[in-house]
C-alpha atoms as a PDB file:
ATOM      1  CA  MET A   1      35.140 -29.526 -16.559  1.00  0.00           C
ATOM      2  CA  HIS A   2      33.180 -30.883 -13.542  1.00  0.00           C
ATOM      3  CA  ALA A   3      36.112 -29.697 -11.575  1.00  0.00           C
ATOM      4  CA  ARG A   4      35.671 -25.535 -12.853  1.00  0.00           C
ATOM      5  CA  LYS A   5      31.853 -25.946 -12.347  1.00  0.00           C
ATOM      6  CA  LEU A   6      32.439 -27.505  -8.430  1.00  0.00           C
ATOM      7  CA  LEU A   7      34.524 -24.701  -7.959  1.00  0.00           C
ATOM      8  CA  VAL A   8      32.422 -22.028  -9.502  1.00  0.00           C
ATOM      9  CA  TYR A   9      29.695 -23.225  -7.288  1.00  0.00           C
ATOM     10  CA  LEU A  10      31.485 -23.414  -4.232  1.00  0.00           C
ATOM     11  CA  ALA A  11      32.526 -19.443  -5.080  1.00  0.00           C
ATOM     12  CA  LEU A  12      28.564 -18.664  -5.291  1.00  0.00           C
ATOM     13  CA  ALA A  13      27.991 -20.768  -2.402  1.00  0.00           C
ATOM     14  CA  THR A  14      30.895 -18.873  -0.560  1.00  0.00           C
ATOM     15  CA  ALA A  15      29.894 -15.245  -1.349  1.00  0.00           C
ATOM     16  CA  ALA A  16      25.979 -16.227  -0.796  1.00  0.00           C
ATOM     17  CA  LEU A  17      26.738 -17.170   3.058  1.00  0.00           C
ATOM     18  CA  LEU A  18      29.302 -14.218   3.360  1.00  0.00           C
ATOM     19  CA  VAL A  19      26.173 -11.919   2.485  1.00  0.00           C
ATOM     20  CA  THR A  20      24.078 -13.586   4.560  1.00  0.00           C
ATOM     21  CA  ALA A  21      25.976 -13.804   7.319  1.00  0.00           C
ATOM     22  CA  GLY A  22      26.077 -10.220   8.040  1.00  0.00           C
ATOM     23  CA  ALA A  23      22.599  -9.936   8.112  1.00  0.00           C
ATOM     24  CA  ALA A  24      20.878  -9.274  11.419  1.00  0.00           C
ATOM     25  CA  PRO A  25      18.481 -11.730  12.639  1.00  0.00           C
ATOM     26  CA  ALA A  26      15.051 -10.754  13.301  1.00  0.00           C
ATOM     27  CA  LEU A  27      13.681  -9.841  16.778  1.00  0.00           C
ATOM     28  CA  GLU A  28      10.088  -9.511  17.915  1.00  0.00           C
ATOM     29  CA  VAL A  29       9.152  -6.651  20.318  1.00  0.00           C
ATOM     30  CA  GLY A  30       5.862  -5.876  21.906  1.00  0.00           C
ATOM     31  CA  ILE A  31       4.055  -3.875  23.816  1.00  0.00           C
ATOM     32  CA  ASN A  32       0.408  -5.165  25.515  1.00  0.00           C
ATOM     33  CA  LEU A  33      -1.386  -2.558  27.524  1.00  0.00           C
ATOM     34  CA  ASP A  34      -4.543  -2.821  29.489  1.00  0.00           C
ATOM     35  CA  VAL A  35      -6.013   0.897  29.444  1.00  0.00           C
ATOM     36  CA  HIS A  36      -8.650   2.063  31.728  1.00  0.00           C
ATOM     37  CA  GLN A  37     -10.538   5.093  30.469  1.00  0.00           C
ATOM     38  CA  ASP A  38     -10.321   7.555  33.361  1.00  0.00           C
ATOM     39  CA  LEU A  39     -12.373  10.530  31.950  1.00  0.00           C
ATOM     40  CA  ASN A  40     -15.890  11.300  33.658  1.00  0.00           C
ATOM     41  CA  LEU A  41     -17.482  12.935  30.667  1.00  0.00           C
ATOM     42  CA  PRO A  42     -21.188  13.607  29.578  1.00  0.00           C
ATOM     43  CA  THR A  43     -21.613  11.025  27.094  1.00  0.00           C
ATOM     44  CA  ALA A  44     -21.565  13.276  23.720  1.00  0.00           C
ATOM     45  CA  GLN A  45     -17.782  14.349  25.244  1.00  0.00           C
ATOM     46  CA  LEU A  46     -16.672  10.847  25.583  1.00  0.00           C
ATOM     47  CA  PRO A  47     -12.944   9.853  24.127  1.00  0.00           C
ATOM     48  CA  ASN A  48     -13.591   8.088  21.075  1.00  0.00           C
ATOM     49  CA  ASP A  49     -10.116   7.685  20.217  1.00  0.00           C
ATOM     50  CA  PHE A  50      -6.817   6.675  21.726  1.00  0.00           C
ATOM     51  CA  HIS A  51      -3.085   6.959  20.855  1.00  0.00           C
ATOM     52  CA  LEU A  52       0.158   5.596  21.967  1.00  0.00           C
ATOM     53  CA  ALA A  53       3.802   7.436  21.205  1.00  0.00           C
ATOM     54  CA  GLY A  54       7.069   6.159  21.580  1.00  0.00           C
ATOM     55  CA  ARG A  55      10.754   5.085  20.541  1.00  0.00           C
ATOM     56  CA  ILE A  56      11.787   2.017  19.208  1.00  0.00           C
ATOM     57  CA  GLU A  57      15.518   0.953  18.499  1.00  0.00           C
ATOM     58  CA  SER A  58      16.046  -1.324  15.065  1.00  0.00           C
ATOM     59  CA  GLY A  59      19.265  -1.880  13.423  1.00  0.00           C
ATOM     60  CA  PRO A  60      23.230  -1.002  14.519  1.00  0.00           C
ATOM     61  CA  PRO A  61      24.214   2.384  15.745  1.00  0.00           C
ATOM     62  CA  GLY A  62      25.664   4.373  13.158  1.00  0.00           C
ATOM     63  CA  GLY A  63      23.075   2.243  10.801  1.00  0.00           C
ATOM     64  CA  ASN A  64      21.877   5.970   9.263  1.00  0.00           C
ATOM     65  CA  TRP A  65      18.265   4.234   9.890  1.00  0.00           C
ATOM     66  CA  GLY A  66      18.712   1.846   7.626  1.00  0.00           C
ATOM     67  CA  GLN A  67      16.724  -1.049   9.391  1.00  0.00           C
ATOM     68  CA  PRO A  68      13.531   0.777  10.338  1.00  0.00           C
ATOM     69  CA  PRO A  69      11.082  -1.602  12.492  1.00  0.00           C
ATOM     70  CA  VAL A  70       8.017  -3.080  10.702  1.00  0.00           C
ATOM     71  CA  LEU A  71       4.526  -3.168  12.559  1.00  0.00           C
ATOM     72  CA  ILE A  72       3.757  -7.197  12.260  1.00  0.00           C
ATOM     73  CA  ASP A  73       0.381  -7.129  14.315  1.00  0.00           C
ATOM     74  CA  HIS A  74      -1.687  -5.077  16.685  1.00  0.00           C
ATOM     75  CA  VAL A  75      -4.164  -5.587  19.356  1.00  0.00           C
ATOM     76  CA  ASP A  76      -7.169  -3.408  18.720  1.00  0.00           C
ATOM     77  CA  ASP A  77      -9.818  -4.828  21.585  1.00  0.00           C
ATOM     78  CA  ILE A  78     -12.809  -2.584  21.613  1.00  0.00           C
ATOM     79  CA  PHE A  79     -11.491  -0.609  18.442  1.00  0.00           C
ATOM     80  CA  LEU A  80     -12.123  -4.093  16.291  1.00  0.00           C
ATOM     81  CA  GLY A  81     -13.892  -2.677  13.495  1.00  0.00           C
ATOM     82  CA  GLY A  82     -12.883   1.124  14.053  1.00  0.00           C
ATOM     83  CA  THR A  83      -9.552   2.511  12.195  1.00  0.00           C
ATOM     84  CA  PHE A  84      -5.877   1.936  12.903  1.00  0.00           C
ATOM     85  CA  THR A  85      -3.199   3.629  11.815  1.00  0.00           C
ATOM     86  CA  CYS A  86       0.763   3.622  12.689  1.00  0.00           C
ATOM     87  CA  GLN A  87       3.514   5.912  11.446  1.00  0.00           C
ATOM     88  CA  ILE A  88       7.134   5.033  11.896  1.00  0.00           C
ATOM     89  CA  THR A  89       9.655   7.669  11.200  1.00  0.00           C
ATOM     90  CA  PRO A  90      13.283   8.302  12.259  1.00  0.00           C
ATOM     91  CA  ASP A  91      14.239   9.873  15.375  1.00  0.00           C
ATOM     92  CA  LEU A  92      16.153  12.413  13.814  1.00  0.00           C
ATOM     93  CA  ASN A  93      17.111  14.073  17.073  1.00  0.00           C
ATOM     94  CA  ASP A  94      19.322  10.557  17.687  1.00  0.00           C
ATOM     95  CA  PRO A  95      22.920  10.482  17.193  1.00  0.00           C
ATOM     96  CA  ALA A  96      22.878   6.862  16.872  1.00  0.00           C
ATOM     97  CA  GLN A  97      20.821   6.735  13.828  1.00  0.00           C
ATOM     98  CA  ASN A  98      19.126   3.682  14.713  1.00  0.00           C
ATOM     99  CA  TRP A  99      15.730   5.177  17.080  1.00  0.00           C
ATOM    100  CA  PHE A 100      12.737   5.808  15.565  1.00  0.00           C
ATOM    101  CA  LYS A 101       9.391   7.399  16.822  1.00  0.00           C
ATOM    102  CA  VAL A 102       6.314   5.504  16.529  1.00  0.00           C
ATOM    103  CA  GLU A 103       2.977   6.854  16.578  1.00  0.00           C
ATOM    104  CA  ALA A 104      -0.140   4.339  16.640  1.00  0.00           C
ATOM    105  CA  HIS A 105      -3.598   5.652  16.874  1.00  0.00           C
ATOM    106  CA  TRP A 106      -6.886   3.723  17.202  1.00  0.00           C
ATOM    107  CA  GLN A 107     -10.457   5.278  16.448  1.00  0.00           C
ATOM    108  CA  ARG A 108     -13.758   4.504  17.006  1.00  0.00           C
ATOM    109  CA  ALA A 109     -17.173   6.252  16.487  1.00  0.00           C
ATOM    110  CA  ALA A 110     -18.820   5.840  19.732  1.00  0.00           C
ATOM    111  CA  GLY A 111     -17.708   6.751  22.829  1.00  0.00           C
ATOM    112  CA  ILE A 112     -15.564   4.620  25.444  1.00  0.00           C
ATOM    113  CA  PRO A 113     -17.484   4.482  28.853  1.00  0.00           C
ATOM    114  CA  PHE A 114     -15.912   5.957  31.572  1.00  0.00           C
ATOM    115  CA  CYS A 115     -14.004   3.022  33.609  1.00  0.00           C
ATOM    116  CA  THR A 116     -13.975   1.187  30.637  1.00  0.00           C
ATOM    117  CA  ILE A 117     -10.778  -1.150  30.819  1.00  0.00           C
ATOM    118  CA  PHE A 118      -9.581  -2.579  27.362  1.00  0.00           C
ATOM    119  CA  HIS A 119      -6.522  -4.233  25.944  1.00  0.00           C
ATOM    120  CA  LEU A 120      -4.278  -2.877  23.317  1.00  0.00           C
ATOM    121  CA  GLY A 121      -1.125  -4.168  21.757  1.00  0.00           C
ATOM    122  CA  LEU A 122       1.479  -3.371  18.881  1.00  0.00           C
ATOM    123  CA  LEU A 123       3.789  -5.893  17.837  1.00  0.00           C
ATOM    124  CA  PHE A 124       7.198  -4.977  15.753  1.00  0.00           C
ATOM    125  CA  ASP A 125      10.288  -6.830  13.736  1.00  0.00           C
ATOM    126  CA  VAL A 126      13.027  -5.097  14.450  1.00  0.00           C
ATOM    127  CA  ALA A 127      17.089  -5.767  13.981  1.00  0.00           C
ATOM    128  CA  CYS A 128      19.559  -6.319  16.497  1.00  0.00           C
ATOM    129  CA  HIS A 129      17.316  -5.014  19.919  1.00  0.00           C
ATOM    130  CA  ASN A 130      14.284  -5.424  21.811  1.00  0.00           C
ATOM    131  CA  VAL A 131      13.297  -2.229  23.048  1.00  0.00           C
ATOM    132  CA  ILE A 132      10.575  -0.018  23.285  1.00  0.00           C
ATOM    133  CA  ILE A 133      10.709   3.702  25.570  1.00  0.00           C
ATOM    134  CA  ASP A 134       9.397   6.593  26.177  1.00  0.00           C
ATOM    135  CA  VAL A 135       5.571   5.088  25.536  1.00  0.00           C
ATOM    136  CA  THR A 136       2.680   7.872  26.193  1.00  0.00           C
ATOM    137  CA  GLY A 137      -0.625   7.280  25.396  1.00  0.00           C
ATOM    138  CA  TYR A 138      -3.600   9.987  25.085  1.00  0.00           C
ATOM    139  CA  TRP A 139      -7.481  10.289  24.551  1.00  0.00           C
ATOM    140  CA  THR A 140      -8.831  12.371  22.000  1.00  0.00           C
ATOM    141  CA  ARG A 141     -12.626  12.748  20.605  1.00  0.00           C
ATOM    142  CA  ASN A 142     -12.806  12.879  16.857  1.00  0.00           C
ATOM    143  CA  GLY A 143      -8.996  13.614  16.994  1.00  0.00           C
ATOM    144  CA  GLN A 144      -9.499  16.585  19.222  1.00  0.00           C
ATOM    145  CA  PRO A 145      -7.450  16.452  22.986  1.00  0.00           C
ATOM    146  CA  ILE A 146      -9.280  15.948  25.765  1.00  0.00           C
ATOM    147  CA  ALA A 147      -7.910  17.084  29.217  1.00  0.00           C
ATOM    148  CA  GLY A 148      -8.614  16.494  32.542  1.00  0.00           C
ATOM    149  CA  GLY A 149      -9.080  13.103  33.971  1.00  0.00           C
ATOM    150  CA  THR A 150      -6.539  11.815  36.750  1.00  0.00           C
ATOM    151  CA  ASN A 151      -3.766  12.383  34.831  1.00  0.00           C
ATOM    152  CA  GLY A 152      -4.836  15.589  32.417  1.00  0.00           C
ATOM    153  CA  GLY A 153      -5.820  13.370  29.583  1.00  0.00           C
ATOM    154  CA  PHE A 154      -2.627  11.504  28.963  1.00  0.00           C
ATOM    155  CA  TRP A 155      -2.523   7.674  29.621  1.00  0.00           C
ATOM    156  CA  PRO A 156       1.451   7.147  31.129  1.00  0.00           C
ATOM    157  CA  THR A 157       2.727   3.615  30.746  1.00  0.00           C
ATOM    158  CA  LEU A 158       5.515   1.777  31.619  1.00  0.00           C
ATOM    159  CA  ALA A 159       8.417   1.104  30.009  1.00  0.00           C
ATOM    160  CA  SER A 160       8.181  -2.913  28.836  1.00  0.00           C
ATOM    161  CA  ALA A 161      10.218  -5.477  27.386  1.00  0.00           C
ATOM    162  CA  SER A 162       8.996  -8.042  25.116  1.00  0.00           C
ATOM    163  CA  THR A 163       9.391 -11.606  26.993  1.00  0.00           C
ATOM    164  CA  GLY A 164       7.575 -13.613  23.595  1.00  0.00           C
ATOM    165  CA  PRO A 165       6.881 -15.780  22.180  1.00  0.00           C
ATOM    166  CA  PHE A 166       2.953 -14.362  21.457  1.00  0.00           C
ATOM    167  CA  ARG A 167       0.584 -16.208  20.573  1.00  0.00           C
ATOM    168  CA  ARG A 168      -1.394 -14.892  17.732  1.00  0.00           C
ATOM    169  CA  SER A 169      -5.233 -15.337  17.152  1.00  0.00           C
ATOM    170  CA  PRO A 170      -6.301 -15.821  13.516  1.00  0.00           C
ATOM    171  CA  PRO A 171      -8.269 -12.394  11.971  1.00  0.00           C
ATOM    172  CA  ALA A 172     -11.383 -11.803  13.184  1.00  0.00           C
ATOM    173  CA  ALA A 173     -14.458 -12.889  10.555  1.00  0.00           C
ATOM    174  CA  SER A 174     -15.994  -9.279  11.205  1.00  0.00           C
ATOM    175  CA  SER A 175     -12.444  -7.325   9.805  1.00  0.00           C
ATOM    176  CA  SER A 176     -10.118  -9.400   7.779  1.00  0.00           C
ATOM    177  CA  ALA A 177      -7.331  -6.203   8.705  1.00  0.00           C
ATOM    178  CA  SER A 178      -7.592  -6.430  12.488  1.00  0.00           C
ATOM    179  CA  ARG A 179      -5.323  -9.367  14.324  1.00  0.00           C
ATOM    180  CA  THR A 180      -4.848 -10.256  17.990  1.00  0.00           C
ATOM    181  CA  ALA A 181      -1.394 -10.541  19.559  1.00  0.00           C
ATOM    182  CA  THR A 182      -1.155 -12.228  23.283  1.00  0.00           C
ATOM    183  CA  PRO A 183       1.443 -12.888  25.080  1.00  0.00           C
ATOM    184  CA  THR A 184       2.550 -16.566  25.816  1.00  0.00           C
ATOM    185  CA  VAL A 185       2.355 -17.127  29.491  1.00  0.00           C
END
C-alpha cells in the first residue's frame, strides 16, 4: 500500500513539474521618460493631459495573443492626484500574434506651464520578451489634441529597453492608487 501511494505521489509531482516547466518566466519591462512641456501658450490653453502610445511584445510567436502584458506600476510625477488610465489591446495587424498596443493617459485639472520637466514611467509584467517600441507621446487639453510646439504637439520618444531592476517607492500618502518606479543606477 505504501508503494502504491508513493507511485501516485511521484506521478502527481511529475505531472505538476511538466505543467509548470512549460510556463515562461515573467519579466519586468518598462519605460521611464523625462518630458519637457514645449508648448508656449496662454494659461487658459496650456495642456493638462499627456498620452503615450506604443507597442509591447509578450508571449511566444504564434501565441494568439494568449499572454498579454500586465501593467504592474506607473510613475505619475506632476499627475499625482490626477487620473491615470492604461489600455492594452492585441495588435491585430501582427502576424506573430504576440504584439500588443499600449495607450497610457495621464490627466490633471491644472495646465502644465511652459518649460516644465517631469518624469513618467510604465512598468509591465511580460512573457518571453523585453521589448517596447514605437512609443510616441502627445499633449491634449481636456482630451482635445493640441498642435504646435517644436514637434507639432507630439513628443517623440527614443526606443528604450529596461535594464531593471526597478526600485519601487511606497504609494504616496495622498494617493494609495499611485506608485512610483525608479530605475536602480
